[in-house]
PDB file of N, CA and C in Angstrom:
ATOM      1  N   MET A   1     -59.420 -34.520 -37.396  1.00  0.00           N
ATOM      2  CA  MET A   1     -59.367 -33.482 -38.770  1.00  0.00           C
ATOM      3  C   MET A   1     -59.130 -32.429 -37.860  1.00  0.00           C
ATOM      4  N   PHE A   2     -60.212 -32.235 -36.816  1.00  0.00           N
ATOM      5  CA  PHE A   2     -60.361 -30.820 -36.066  1.00  0.00           C
ATOM      6  C   PHE A   2     -59.061 -30.702 -35.129  1.00  0.00           C
ATOM      7  N   PRO A   3     -58.231 -31.566 -34.493  1.00  0.00           N
ATOM      8  CA  PRO A   3     -57.089 -31.420 -33.536  1.00  0.00           C
ATOM      9  C   PRO A   3     -56.278 -30.543 -35.172  1.00  0.00           C
ATOM     10  N   ILE A   4     -55.978 -31.178 -35.591  1.00  0.00           N
ATOM     11  CA  ILE A   4     -54.811 -30.947 -37.024  1.00  0.00           C
ATOM     12  C   ILE A   4     -55.147 -29.493 -37.223  1.00  0.00           C
ATOM     13  N   LEU A   5     -56.204 -28.898 -37.074  1.00  0.00           N
ATOM     14  CA  LEU A   5     -56.639 -27.433 -37.642  1.00  0.00           C
ATOM     15  C   LEU A   5     -56.322 -26.452 -36.776  1.00  0.00           C
ATOM     16  N   ILE A   6     -56.129 -27.144 -35.274  1.00  0.00           N
ATOM     17  CA  ILE A   6     -56.117 -26.351 -34.525  1.00  0.00           C
ATOM     18  C   ILE A   6     -54.539 -26.059 -33.981  1.00  0.00           C
ATOM     19  N   ALA A   7     -53.641 -27.174 -34.580  1.00  0.00           N
ATOM     20  CA  ALA A   7     -52.236 -27.142 -34.344  1.00  0.00           C
ATOM     21  C   ALA A   7     -51.788 -26.552 -35.715  1.00  0.00           C
ATOM     22  N   ILE A   8     -52.151 -26.471 -36.981  1.00  0.00           N
ATOM     23  CA  ILE A   8     -51.936 -25.741 -37.752  1.00  0.00           C
ATOM     24  C   ILE A   8     -51.843 -24.105 -37.061  1.00  0.00           C
ATOM     25  N   GLY A   9     -53.483 -23.807 -36.796  1.00  0.00           N
ATOM     26  CA  GLY A   9     -53.714 -22.366 -36.268  1.00  0.00           C
ATOM     27  C   GLY A   9     -52.250 -21.597 -34.895  1.00  0.00           C
ATOM     28  N   TRP A  10     -52.148 -22.646 -34.713  1.00  0.00           N
ATOM     29  CA  TRP A  10     -51.791 -22.690 -33.283  1.00  0.00           C
ATOM     30  C   TRP A  10     -50.118 -22.312 -33.779  1.00  0.00           C
ATOM     31  N   LEU A  11     -49.347 -23.056 -34.892  1.00  0.00           N
ATOM     32  CA  LEU A  11     -48.280 -22.716 -35.492  1.00  0.00           C
ATOM     33  C   LEU A  11     -48.105 -21.651 -35.987  1.00  0.00           C
ATOM     34  N   TYR A  12     -48.981 -21.222 -36.534  1.00  0.00           N
ATOM     35  CA  TYR A  12     -49.161 -19.878 -37.792  1.00  0.00           C
ATOM     36  C   TYR A  12     -49.103 -18.625 -36.508  1.00  0.00           C
ATOM     37  N   VAL A  13     -50.030 -18.691 -35.328  1.00  0.00           N
ATOM     38  CA  VAL A  13     -49.698 -17.845 -34.816  1.00  0.00           C
ATOM     39  C   VAL A  13     -48.153 -17.560 -33.639  1.00  0.00           C
ATOM     40  N   ALA A  14     -47.943 -19.039 -33.360  1.00  0.00           N
ATOM     41  CA  ALA A  14     -46.561 -18.520 -32.893  1.00  0.00           C
ATOM     42  C   ALA A  14     -45.278 -18.278 -33.894  1.00  0.00           C
ATOM     43  N   LEU A  15     -45.596 -18.794 -35.139  1.00  0.00           N
ATOM     44  CA  LEU A  15     -44.903 -18.304 -36.432  1.00  0.00           C
ATOM     45  C   LEU A  15     -44.934 -16.474 -36.187  1.00  0.00           C
ATOM     46  N   MET A  16     -46.094 -16.207 -36.342  1.00  0.00           N
ATOM     47  CA  MET A  16     -46.187 -14.762 -36.427  1.00  0.00           C
ATOM     48  C   MET A  16     -45.689 -13.874 -34.876  1.00  0.00           C
ATOM     49  N   MET A  17     -45.419 -14.533 -34.121  1.00  0.00           N
ATOM     50  CA  MET A  17     -44.851 -14.178 -32.978  1.00  0.00           C
ATOM     51  C   MET A  17     -43.459 -14.256 -33.106  1.00  0.00           C
ATOM     52  N   ALA A  18     -42.820 -15.380 -33.457  1.00  0.00           N
ATOM     53  CA  ALA A  18     -41.359 -15.277 -33.635  1.00  0.00           C
ATOM     54  C   ALA A  18     -41.026 -14.524 -34.609  1.00  0.00           C
ATOM     55  N   VAL A  19     -41.771 -13.935 -35.777  1.00  0.00           N
ATOM     56  CA  VAL A  19     -41.270 -12.936 -37.078  1.00  0.00           C
ATOM     57  C   VAL A  19     -41.435 -11.847 -36.420  1.00  0.00           C
ATOM     58  N   ALA A  20     -42.653 -11.656 -35.303  1.00  0.00           N
ATOM     59  CA  ALA A  20     -42.779 -10.211 -34.776  1.00  0.00           C
ATOM     60  C   ALA A  20     -41.576  -9.687 -33.808  1.00  0.00           C
ATOM     61  N   GLU A  21     -40.878 -10.843 -32.982  1.00  0.00           N
ATOM     62  CA  GLU A  21     -39.839 -10.637 -32.330  1.00  0.00           C
ATOM     63  C   GLU A  21     -38.573 -10.669 -33.350  1.00  0.00           C
ATOM     64  N   ALA A  22     -38.497 -11.231 -33.983  1.00  0.00           N
ATOM     65  CA  ALA A  22     -37.038 -11.224 -34.756  1.00  0.00           C
ATOM     66  C   ALA A  22     -36.862  -9.806 -35.505  1.00  0.00           C
ATOM     67  N   THR A  23     -38.218  -9.264 -36.133  1.00  0.00           N
ATOM     68  CA  THR A  23     -38.150  -7.840 -37.158  1.00  0.00           C
ATOM     69  C   THR A  23     -38.488  -6.846 -35.811  1.00  0.00           C
ATOM     70  N   ASN A  24     -38.460  -7.006 -34.355  1.00  0.00           N
ATOM     71  CA  ASN A  24     -38.357  -5.776 -33.733  1.00  0.00           C
ATOM     72  C   ASN A  24     -37.010  -5.336 -33.561  1.00  0.00           C
ATOM     73  N   THR A  25     -36.852  -4.044 -33.366  1.00  0.00           N
ATOM     74  CA  THR A  25     -35.608  -3.205 -33.094  1.00  0.00           C
ATOM     75  C   THR A  25     -34.607  -4.026 -32.048  1.00  0.00           C
ATOM     76  N   THR A  26     -35.570  -4.202 -30.824  1.00  0.00           N
ATOM     77  CA  THR A  26     -34.890  -5.010 -29.478  1.00  0.00           C
ATOM     78  C   THR A  26     -34.891  -6.735 -29.608  1.00  0.00           C
ATOM     79  N   GLY A  27     -35.281  -7.239 -30.909  1.00  0.00           N
ATOM     80  CA  GLY A  27     -35.492  -8.832 -30.898  1.00  0.00           C
ATOM     81  C   GLY A  27     -34.331  -9.004 -31.516  1.00  0.00           C
ATOM     82  N   THR A  28     -34.225 -10.322 -31.320  1.00  0.00           N
ATOM     83  CA  THR A  28     -33.417 -11.046 -32.168  1.00  0.00           C
ATOM     84  C   THR A  28     -33.527 -12.559 -32.633  1.00  0.00           C
ATOM     85  N   VAL A  29     -32.651 -12.882 -33.441  1.00  0.00           N
ATOM     86  CA  VAL A  29     -33.391 -14.123 -34.084  1.00  0.00           C
ATOM     87  C   VAL A  29     -33.133 -15.351 -33.496  1.00  0.00           C
ATOM     88  N   LEU A  30     -32.316 -15.362 -32.265  1.00  0.00           N
ATOM     89  CA  LEU A  30     -32.292 -16.299 -31.601  1.00  0.00           C
ATOM     90  C   LEU A  30     -33.578 -16.645 -30.607  1.00  0.00           C
ATOM     91  N   GLY A  31     -33.814 -15.263 -30.112  1.00  0.00           N
ATOM     92  CA  GLY A  31     -35.177 -14.616 -29.337  1.00  0.00           C
ATOM     93  C   GLY A  31     -36.361 -15.435 -29.982  1.00  0.00           C
ATOM     94  N   ALA A  32     -36.365 -15.115 -31.444  1.00  0.00           N
ATOM     95  CA  ALA A  32     -37.649 -15.511 -32.253  1.00  0.00           C
ATOM     96  C   ALA A  32     -37.145 -17.375 -32.012  1.00  0.00           C
ATOM     97  N   LEU A  33     -36.661 -17.802 -32.583  1.00  0.00           N
ATOM     98  CA  LEU A  33     -36.615 -18.989 -32.276  1.00  0.00           C
ATOM     99  C   LEU A  33     -36.717 -19.868 -31.446  1.00  0.00           C
ATOM    100  N   ILE A  34     -36.494 -18.905 -29.700  1.00  0.00           N
ATOM    101  CA  ILE A  34     -36.628 -19.455 -28.799  1.00  0.00           C
ATOM    102  C   ILE A  34     -38.342 -20.004 -28.821  1.00  0.00           C
ATOM    103  N   THR A  35     -38.596 -18.540 -29.545  1.00  0.00           N
ATOM    104  CA  THR A  35     -40.477 -18.020 -29.497  1.00  0.00           C
ATOM    105  C   THR A  35     -41.016 -19.648 -29.718  1.00  0.00           C
ATOM    106  N   PHE A  36     -40.626 -19.453 -30.783  1.00  0.00           N
ATOM    107  CA  PHE A  36     -41.278 -20.569 -31.950  1.00  0.00           C
ATOM    108  C   PHE A  36     -41.229 -21.830 -31.315  1.00  0.00           C
ATOM    109  N   VAL A  37     -39.941 -22.058 -30.794  1.00  0.00           N
ATOM    110  CA  VAL A  37     -39.979 -23.643 -30.014  1.00  0.00           C
ATOM    111  C   VAL A  37     -40.851 -23.729 -28.919  1.00  0.00           C
ATOM    112  N   LEU A  38     -40.943 -22.584 -27.906  1.00  0.00           N
ATOM    113  CA  LEU A  38     -41.198 -22.897 -26.819  1.00  0.00           C
ATOM    114  C   LEU A  38     -42.699 -23.036 -26.682  1.00  0.00           C
ATOM    115  N   TYR A  39     -42.813 -21.889 -27.798  1.00  0.00           N
ATOM    116  CA  TYR A  39     -44.622 -21.413 -27.824  1.00  0.00           C
ATOM    117  C   TYR A  39     -45.279 -22.077 -29.090  1.00  0.00           C
ATOM    118  N   GLY A  40     -44.203 -22.680 -29.760  1.00  0.00           N
ATOM    119  CA  GLY A  40     -45.324 -23.450 -30.894  1.00  0.00           C
ATOM    120  C   GLY A  40     -45.078 -24.741 -30.874  1.00  0.00           C
ATOM    121  N   VAL A  41     -44.121 -25.035 -31.379  1.00  0.00           N
ATOM    122  CA  VAL A  41     -43.638 -26.754 -31.673  1.00  0.00           C
ATOM    123  C   VAL A  41     -43.868 -27.591 -30.651  1.00  0.00           C
ATOM    124  N   GLY A  42     -43.071 -27.089 -29.357  1.00  0.00           N
ATOM    125  CA  GLY A  42     -43.219 -27.774 -27.823  1.00  0.00           C
ATOM    126  C   GLY A  42     -44.958 -27.753 -27.704  1.00  0.00           C
ATOM    127  N   PRO A  43     -45.536 -27.221 -27.289  1.00  0.00           N
ATOM    128  CA  PRO A  43     -47.044 -27.079 -26.616  1.00  0.00           C
ATOM    129  C   PRO A  43     -47.764 -28.406 -28.249  1.00  0.00           C
ATOM    130  N   VAL A  44     -47.700 -27.901 -29.036  1.00  0.00           N
ATOM    131  CA  VAL A  44     -48.147 -28.376 -30.200  1.00  0.00           C
ATOM    132  C   VAL A  44     -47.698 -30.213 -30.356  1.00  0.00           C
ATOM    133  N   ALA A  45     -46.890 -30.300 -30.349  1.00  0.00           N
ATOM    134  CA  ALA A  45     -45.934 -31.409 -29.885  1.00  0.00           C
ATOM    135  C   ALA A  45     -46.577 -32.431 -29.184  1.00  0.00           C
ATOM    136  N   LEU A  46     -46.950 -32.004 -27.800  1.00  0.00           N
ATOM    137  CA  LEU A  46     -47.052 -32.415 -26.707  1.00  0.00           C
ATOM    138  C   LEU A  46     -48.776 -32.798 -26.632  1.00  0.00           C
ATOM    139  N   VAL A  47     -49.428 -31.743 -27.198  1.00  0.00           N
ATOM    140  CA  VAL A  47     -50.790 -31.877 -27.448  1.00  0.00           C
ATOM    141  C   VAL A  47     -51.336 -33.032 -28.603  1.00  0.00           C
ATOM    142  N   LEU A  48     -50.431 -32.878 -29.526  1.00  0.00           N
ATOM    143  CA  LEU A  48     -50.832 -34.109 -30.703  1.00  0.00           C
ATOM    144  C   LEU A  48     -50.610 -35.473 -29.556  1.00  0.00           C
ATOM    145  N   TYR A  49     -49.318 -35.840 -29.147  1.00  0.00           N
ATOM    146  CA  TYR A  49     -49.022 -36.649 -28.536  1.00  0.00           C
ATOM    147  C   TYR A  49     -50.103 -37.493 -27.637  1.00  0.00           C
ATOM    148  N   LEU A  50     -50.694 -36.341 -26.842  1.00  0.00           N
ATOM    149  CA  LEU A  50     -51.567 -36.733 -25.506  1.00  0.00           C
ATOM    150  C   LEU A  50     -53.050 -37.268 -26.495  1.00  0.00           C
ATOM    151  N   ILE A  51     -53.298 -36.510 -27.599  1.00  0.00           N
ATOM    152  CA  ILE A  51     -54.483 -36.637 -28.348  1.00  0.00           C
ATOM    153  C   ILE A  51     -54.603 -37.891 -28.779  1.00  0.00           C
ATOM    154  N   GLY A  52     -53.416 -38.408 -29.477  1.00  0.00           N
ATOM    155  CA  GLY A  52     -53.205 -39.841 -30.051  1.00  0.00           C
ATOM    156  C   GLY A  52     -52.819 -41.158 -29.511  1.00  0.00           C
ATOM    157  N   ALA A  53     -53.187 -40.599 -28.252  1.00  0.00           N
ATOM    158  CA  ALA A  53     -52.803 -42.018 -27.116  1.00  0.00           C
ATOM    159  C   ALA A  53     -54.056 -43.261 -27.546  1.00  0.00           C
ATOM    160  N   PRO A  54     -55.409 -42.550 -27.552  1.00  0.00           N
ATOM    161  CA  PRO A  54     -56.464 -43.602 -27.781  1.00  0.00           C
ATOM    162  C   PRO A  54     -55.999 -44.245 -28.686  1.00  0.00           C
ATOM    163  N   GLY A  55     -55.614 -43.560 -29.641  1.00  0.00           N
ATOM    164  CA  GLY A  55     -55.400 -44.443 -31.418  1.00  0.00           C
ATOM    165  C   GLY A  55     -54.070 -45.710 -31.385  1.00  0.00           C
ATOM    166  N   ARG A  56     -52.894 -44.947 -30.417  1.00  0.00           N
ATOM    167  CA  ARG A  56     -52.048 -45.793 -30.337  1.00  0.00           C
ATOM    168  C   ARG A  56     -52.393 -46.921 -29.541  1.00  0.00           C
ATOM    169  N   ARG A  57     -52.995 -46.655 -28.310  1.00  0.00           N
ATOM    170  CA  ARG A  57     -53.818 -48.083 -27.306  1.00  0.00           C
ATOM    171  C   ARG A  57     -54.649 -48.784 -28.367  1.00  0.00           C
ATOM    172  N   ARG A  58     -55.352 -48.568 -29.112  1.00  0.00           N
ATOM    173  CA  ARG A  58     -56.263 -48.934 -29.966  1.00  0.00           C
ATOM    174  C   ARG A  58     -55.672 -50.127 -31.274  1.00  0.00           C
ATOM    175  N   VAL A  59     -54.259 -49.538 -31.708  1.00  0.00           N
ATOM    176  CA  VAL A  59     -53.744 -49.879 -32.461  1.00  0.00           C
ATOM    177  C   VAL A  59     -53.309 -51.189 -31.767  1.00  0.00           C
ATOM    178  N   ARG A  60     -52.565 -50.852 -30.367  1.00  0.00           N
ATOM    179  CA  ARG A  60     -51.663 -52.364 -30.006  1.00  0.00           C
ATOM    180  C   ARG A  60     -52.694 -52.873 -29.313  1.00  0.00           C
ATOM    181  N   LYS A  61     -53.770 -52.712 -28.719  1.00  0.00           N
ATOM    182  CA  LYS A  61     -54.401 -54.040 -28.594  1.00  0.00           C
ATOM    183  C   LYS A  61     -54.841 -54.883 -29.829  1.00  0.00           C
ATOM    184  N   THR A  62     -55.031 -54.409 -30.911  1.00  0.00           N
ATOM    185  CA  THR A  62     -55.292 -55.146 -32.155  1.00  0.00           C
ATOM    186  C   THR A  62     -54.378 -55.975 -32.530  1.00  0.00           C
ATOM    187  N   ARG A  63     -53.096 -55.255 -32.423  1.00  0.00           N
ATOM    188  CA  ARG A  63     -51.693 -56.331 -32.753  1.00  0.00           C
ATOM    189  C   ARG A  63     -51.930 -57.239 -31.479  1.00  0.00           C
ATOM    190  N   GLU A  64     -52.135 -56.912 -30.278  1.00  0.00           N
ATOM    191  CA  GLU A  64     -51.720 -58.057 -29.208  1.00  0.00           C
ATOM    192  C   GLU A  64     -53.099 -59.135 -29.747  1.00  0.00           C
ATOM    193  N   ALA A  65     -54.504 -58.718 -30.059  1.00  0.00           N
ATOM    194  CA  ALA A  65     -55.424 -59.813 -30.205  1.00  0.00           C
ATOM    195  C   ALA A  65     -54.855 -60.398 -31.496  1.00  0.00           C
ATOM    196  N   ALA A  66     -54.089 -59.965 -32.508  1.00  0.00           N
ATOM    197  CA  ALA A  66     -53.776 -60.807 -33.738  1.00  0.00           C
ATOM    198  C   ALA A  66     -52.748 -61.801 -33.336  1.00  0.00           C
ATOM    199  N   GLU A  67     -51.660 -61.324 -32.544  1.00  0.00           N
ATOM    200  CA  GLU A  67     -50.739 -62.291 -32.327  1.00  0.00           C
ATOM    201  C   GLU A  67     -51.011 -63.513 -31.533  1.00  0.00           C
ATOM    202  N   LEU A  68     -52.146 -63.290 -30.363  1.00  0.00           N
ATOM    203  CA  LEU A  68     -52.648 -64.133 -29.517  1.00  0.00           C
ATOM    204  C   LEU A  68     -53.364 -65.135 -30.277  1.00  0.00           C
ATOM    205  N   ALA A  69     -54.078 -64.329 -31.260  1.00  0.00           N
ATOM    206  CA  ALA A  69     -55.003 -65.573 -32.405  1.00  0.00           C
ATOM    207  C   ALA A  69     -53.973 -66.639 -33.145  1.00  0.00           C
ATOM    208  N   ALA A  70     -52.976 -66.062 -33.338  1.00  0.00           N
ATOM    209  CA  ALA A  70     -51.880 -66.429 -34.084  1.00  0.00           C
ATOM    210  C   ALA A  70     -51.332 -67.447 -33.522  1.00  0.00           C
ATOM    211  N   TRP A  71     -51.275 -67.061 -32.245  1.00  0.00           N
ATOM    212  CA  TRP A  71     -50.202 -68.266 -31.010  1.00  0.00           C
ATOM    213  C   TRP A  71     -51.010 -69.127 -31.177  1.00  0.00           C
ATOM    214  N   ARG A  72     -52.630 -68.822 -30.775  1.00  0.00           N
ATOM    215  CA  ARG A  72     -53.720 -70.341 -30.397  1.00  0.00           C
ATOM    216  C   ARG A  72     -53.670 -70.635 -31.475  1.00  0.00           C
ATOM    217  N   ALA A  73     -53.473 -70.504 -32.906  1.00  0.00           N
ATOM    218  CA  ALA A  73     -53.743 -71.554 -34.075  1.00  0.00           C
ATOM    219  C   ALA A  73     -52.519 -72.224 -33.894  1.00  0.00           C
ATOM    220  N   GLY A  74     -51.521 -71.398 -33.564  1.00  0.00           N
ATOM    221  CA  GLY A  74     -50.305 -72.445 -33.518  1.00  0.00           C
ATOM    222  C   GLY A  74     -50.561 -73.701 -32.421  1.00  0.00           C
ATOM    223  N   GLN A  75     -51.170 -73.580 -31.495  1.00  0.00           N
ATOM    224  CA  GLN A  75     -51.227 -74.445 -30.712  1.00  0.00           C
ATOM    225  C   GLN A  75     -52.276 -75.878 -30.817  1.00  0.00           C
ATOM    226  N   PRO A  76     -52.017 -76.829 -30.146  1.00  0.00           N
ATOM    227  CA  PRO A  76     -52.496 -78.429 -30.423  1.00  0.00           C
ATOM    228  C   PRO A  76     -54.064 -78.277 -30.325  1.00  0.00           C
ATOM    229  N   SER A  77     -55.023 -78.674 -30.878  1.00  0.00           N
ATOM    230  CA  SER A  77     -56.244 -78.607 -30.401  1.00  0.00           C
ATOM    231  C   SER A  77     -56.548 -79.433 -29.230  1.00  0.00           C
ATOM    232  N   ALA A  78     -57.617 -79.129 -28.423  1.00  0.00           N
ATOM    233  CA  ALA A  78     -58.306 -80.033 -27.287  1.00  0.00           C
ATOM    234  C   ALA A  78     -58.318 -81.085 -27.532  1.00  0.00           C
ATOM    235  N   ALA A  79     -58.874 -81.763 -28.905  1.00  0.00           N
ATOM    236  CA  ALA A  79     -58.878 -83.489 -29.343  1.00  0.00           C
ATOM    237  C   ALA A  79     -57.498 -84.038 -29.188  1.00  0.00           C
ATOM    238  N   ALA A  80     -56.289 -82.897 -29.750  1.00  0.00           N
ATOM    239  CA  ALA A  80     -55.182 -83.686 -29.871  1.00  0.00           C
ATOM    240  C   ALA A  80     -54.474 -84.004 -28.185  1.00  0.00           C
ATOM    241  N   GLU A  81     -54.901 -83.224 -27.199  1.00  0.00           N
ATOM    242  CA  GLU A  81     -54.431 -83.520 -26.124  1.00  0.00           C
ATOM    243  C   GLU A  81     -55.346 -84.176 -25.111  1.00  0.00           C
ATOM    244  N   THR A  82     -56.248 -84.463 -25.704  1.00  0.00           N
ATOM    245  CA  THR A  82     -56.800 -85.622 -24.644  1.00  0.00           C
ATOM    246  C   THR A  82     -56.738 -86.849 -25.168  1.00  0.00           C
ATOM    247  N   GLY A  83     -55.811 -87.004 -26.471  1.00  0.00           N
ATOM    248  CA  GLY A  83     -55.488 -88.422 -27.003  1.00  0.00           C
ATOM    249  C   GLY A  83     -57.014 -88.859 -27.846  1.00  0.00           C
ATOM    250  N   LYS A  84     -57.897 -88.236 -28.435  1.00  0.00           N
ATOM    251  CA  LYS A  84     -58.798 -88.690 -29.294  1.00  0.00           C
ATOM    252  C   LYS A  84     -58.479 -89.195 -30.520  1.00  0.00           C
ATOM    253  N   SER A  85     -57.204 -88.775 -30.688  1.00  0.00           N
ATOM    254  CA  SER A  85     -56.436 -89.229 -31.992  1.00  0.00           C
ATOM    255  C   SER A  85     -56.776 -91.049 -32.286  1.00  0.00           C
ATOM    256  N   GLY A  86     -56.505 -91.422 -31.059  1.00  0.00           N
ATOM    257  CA  GLY A  86     -56.431 -92.765 -31.314  1.00  0.00           C
ATOM    258  C   GLY A  86     -55.212 -93.316 -31.295  1.00  0.00           C
ATOM    259  N   ASN A  87     -54.009 -92.759 -30.838  1.00  0.00           N
ATOM    260  CA  ASN A  87     -52.495 -93.217 -30.719  1.00  0.00           C
ATOM    261  C   ASN A  87     -52.046 -92.379 -29.195  1.00  0.00           C
ATOM    262  N   ASP A  88     -52.521 -92.965 -28.151  1.00  0.00           N
ATOM    263  CA  ASP A  88     -51.894 -92.457 -26.761  1.00  0.00           C
ATOM    264  C   ASP A  88     -50.734 -92.709 -26.533  1.00  0.00           C
ATOM    265  N   SER A  89     -49.802 -93.211 -27.220  1.00  0.00           N
ATOM    266  CA  SER A  89     -48.162 -93.526 -26.940  1.00  0.00           C
ATOM    267  C   SER A  89     -47.533 -92.586 -27.291  1.00  0.00           C
ATOM    268  N   ASP A  90     -47.813 -91.554 -28.265  1.00  0.00           N
ATOM    269  CA  ASP A  90     -47.245 -90.344 -28.738  1.00  0.00           C
ATOM    270  C   ASP A  90     -47.229 -89.502 -27.788  1.00  0.00           C
ATOM    271  N   GLN A  91     -47.929 -89.002 -26.788  1.00  0.00           N
ATOM    272  CA  GLN A  91     -47.632 -88.397 -25.427  1.00  0.00           C
ATOM    273  C   GLN A  91     -48.272 -88.833 -24.471  1.00  0.00           C
ATOM    274  N   PRO A  92     -47.192 -89.550 -23.388  1.00  0.00           N
ATOM    275  CA  PRO A  92     -47.081 -90.379 -22.607  1.00  0.00           C
ATOM    276  C   PRO A  92     -47.829 -89.568 -21.049  1.00  0.00           C
ATOM    277  N   ASP A  93     -47.685 -88.188 -20.943  1.00  0.00           N
ATOM    278  CA  ASP A  93     -47.823 -87.420 -19.950  1.00  0.00           C
ATOM    279  C   ASP A  93     -48.944 -86.105 -20.278  1.00  0.00           C
ATOM    280  N   ALA A  94     -49.831 -86.399 -20.995  1.00  0.00           N
ATOM    281  CA  ALA A  94     -50.797 -85.372 -21.588  1.00  0.00           C
ATOM    282  C   ALA A  94     -51.930 -85.211 -20.696  1.00  0.00           C
ATOM    283  N   GLY A  95     -51.644 -85.259 -19.851  1.00  0.00           N
ATOM    284  CA  GLY A  95     -52.873 -85.660 -19.218  1.00  0.00           C
ATOM    285  C   GLY A  95     -53.014 -84.279 -18.033  1.00  0.00           C
ATOM    286  N   GLY A  96     -52.316 -83.421 -17.797  1.00  0.00           N
ATOM    287  CA  GLY A  96     -51.643 -82.372 -17.162  1.00  0.00           C
ATOM    288  C   GLY A  96     -51.682 -82.144 -15.593  1.00  0.00           C
ATOM    289  N   HIS A  97     -51.719 -83.462 -15.387  1.00  0.00           N
ATOM    290  CA  HIS A  97     -51.497 -83.648 -13.638  1.00  0.00           C
ATOM    291  C   HIS A  97     -50.012 -83.931 -13.158  1.00  0.00           C
ATOM    292  N   ALA A  98     -49.551 -83.830 -11.928  1.00  0.00           N
ATOM    293  CA  ALA A  98     -48.480 -83.940 -11.603  1.00  0.00           C
ATOM    294  C   ALA A  98     -47.899 -85.270 -11.534  1.00  0.00           C
ATOM    295  N   PRO A  99     -46.836 -85.595 -12.265  1.00  0.00           N
ATOM    296  CA  PRO A  99     -46.617 -87.085 -11.987  1.00  0.00           C
ATOM    297  C   PRO A  99     -46.295 -87.676 -10.568  1.00  0.00           C
ATOM    298  N   ALA A 100     -46.855 -88.632 -10.467  1.00  0.00           N
ATOM    299  CA  ALA A 100     -47.080 -89.189  -8.927  1.00  0.00           C
ATOM    300  C   ALA A 100     -45.315 -89.898  -8.788  1.00  0.00           C
ATOM    301  N   ASP A 101     -45.095 -89.764  -7.387  1.00  0.00           N
ATOM    302  CA  ASP A 101     -43.861 -90.457  -6.921  1.00  0.00           C
ATOM    303  C   ASP A 101     -43.591 -91.851  -7.018  1.00  0.00           C
ATOM    304  N   ALA A 102     -42.613 -92.009  -7.762  1.00  0.00           N
ATOM    305  CA  ALA A 102     -42.172 -93.773  -8.454  1.00  0.00           C
ATOM    306  C   ALA A 102     -42.273 -94.776  -7.447  1.00  0.00           C
ATOM    307  N   VAL A 103     -41.541 -94.552  -6.219  1.00  0.00           N
ATOM    308  CA  VAL A 103     -41.519 -95.036  -5.169  1.00  0.00           C
ATOM    309  C   VAL A 103     -41.542 -94.350  -3.706  1.00  0.00           C
ATOM    310  N   THR A 104     -42.424 -95.140  -3.130  1.00  0.00           N
ATOM    311  CA  THR A 104     -43.323 -94.483  -1.974  1.00  0.00           C
ATOM    312  C   THR A 104     -42.394 -94.109  -1.004  1.00  0.00           C
ATOM    313  N   PRO A 105     -42.517 -93.101  -0.077  1.00  0.00           N
ATOM    314  CA  PRO A 105     -41.451 -92.844   0.685  1.00  0.00           C
ATOM    315  C   PRO A 105     -41.186 -94.379   1.894  1.00  0.00           C
ATOM    316  N   VAL A 106     -40.084 -94.363   2.586  1.00  0.00           N
ATOM    317  CA  VAL A 106     -40.012 -95.322   3.676  1.00  0.00           C
ATOM    318  C   VAL A 106     -39.889 -94.859   4.825  1.00  0.00           C
ATOM    319  N   ARG A 107     -40.943 -95.187   5.831  1.00  0.00           N
ATOM    320  CA  ARG A 107     -41.203 -94.123   6.996  1.00  0.00           C
ATOM    321  C   ARG A 107     -40.843 -95.517   8.311  1.00  0.00           C
ATOM    322  N   LYS A 108     -40.268 -95.245   9.273  1.00  0.00           N
ATOM    323  CA  LYS A 108     -40.361 -95.946  10.619  1.00  0.00           C
ATOM    324  C   LYS A 108     -41.649 -96.704  11.296  1.00  0.00           C
ATOM    325  N   GLU A 109     -41.266 -97.701  11.630  1.00  0.00           N
ATOM    326  CA  GLU A 109     -42.790 -98.244  12.275  1.00  0.00           C
ATOM    327  C   GLU A 109     -42.899 -97.372  13.621  1.00  0.00           C
ATOM    328  N   PRO A 110     -44.002 -97.454  13.757  1.00  0.00           N
ATOM    329  CA  PRO A 110     -44.574 -96.713  15.434  1.00  0.00           C
ATOM    330  C   PRO A 110     -44.388 -97.444  16.332  1.00  0.00           C
TER     331      PRO A 110
END
């Protein structure tokens, strides 16, 4: 809430600077527009972006945690992986080990 008040105050001051430049006898509307954008909108947008970074990070972490939980919920349980369901034939190589070579290598006799 407090940064929003600062941003509104900053934009008000920048707007008054732009109005003063536009109504001055040597000032122009283009100069007033550039003053408002470079002294008002640009810095306020940058500061609000930097202030909002922790909130965006928190939302991203929460979303990633929810996606991970949903992914883990869709994975088979540890009991199903170890074959405790009673039917071992449906997953023949569920042990997680690399398969052994079916044929032993042939080598020359010394």
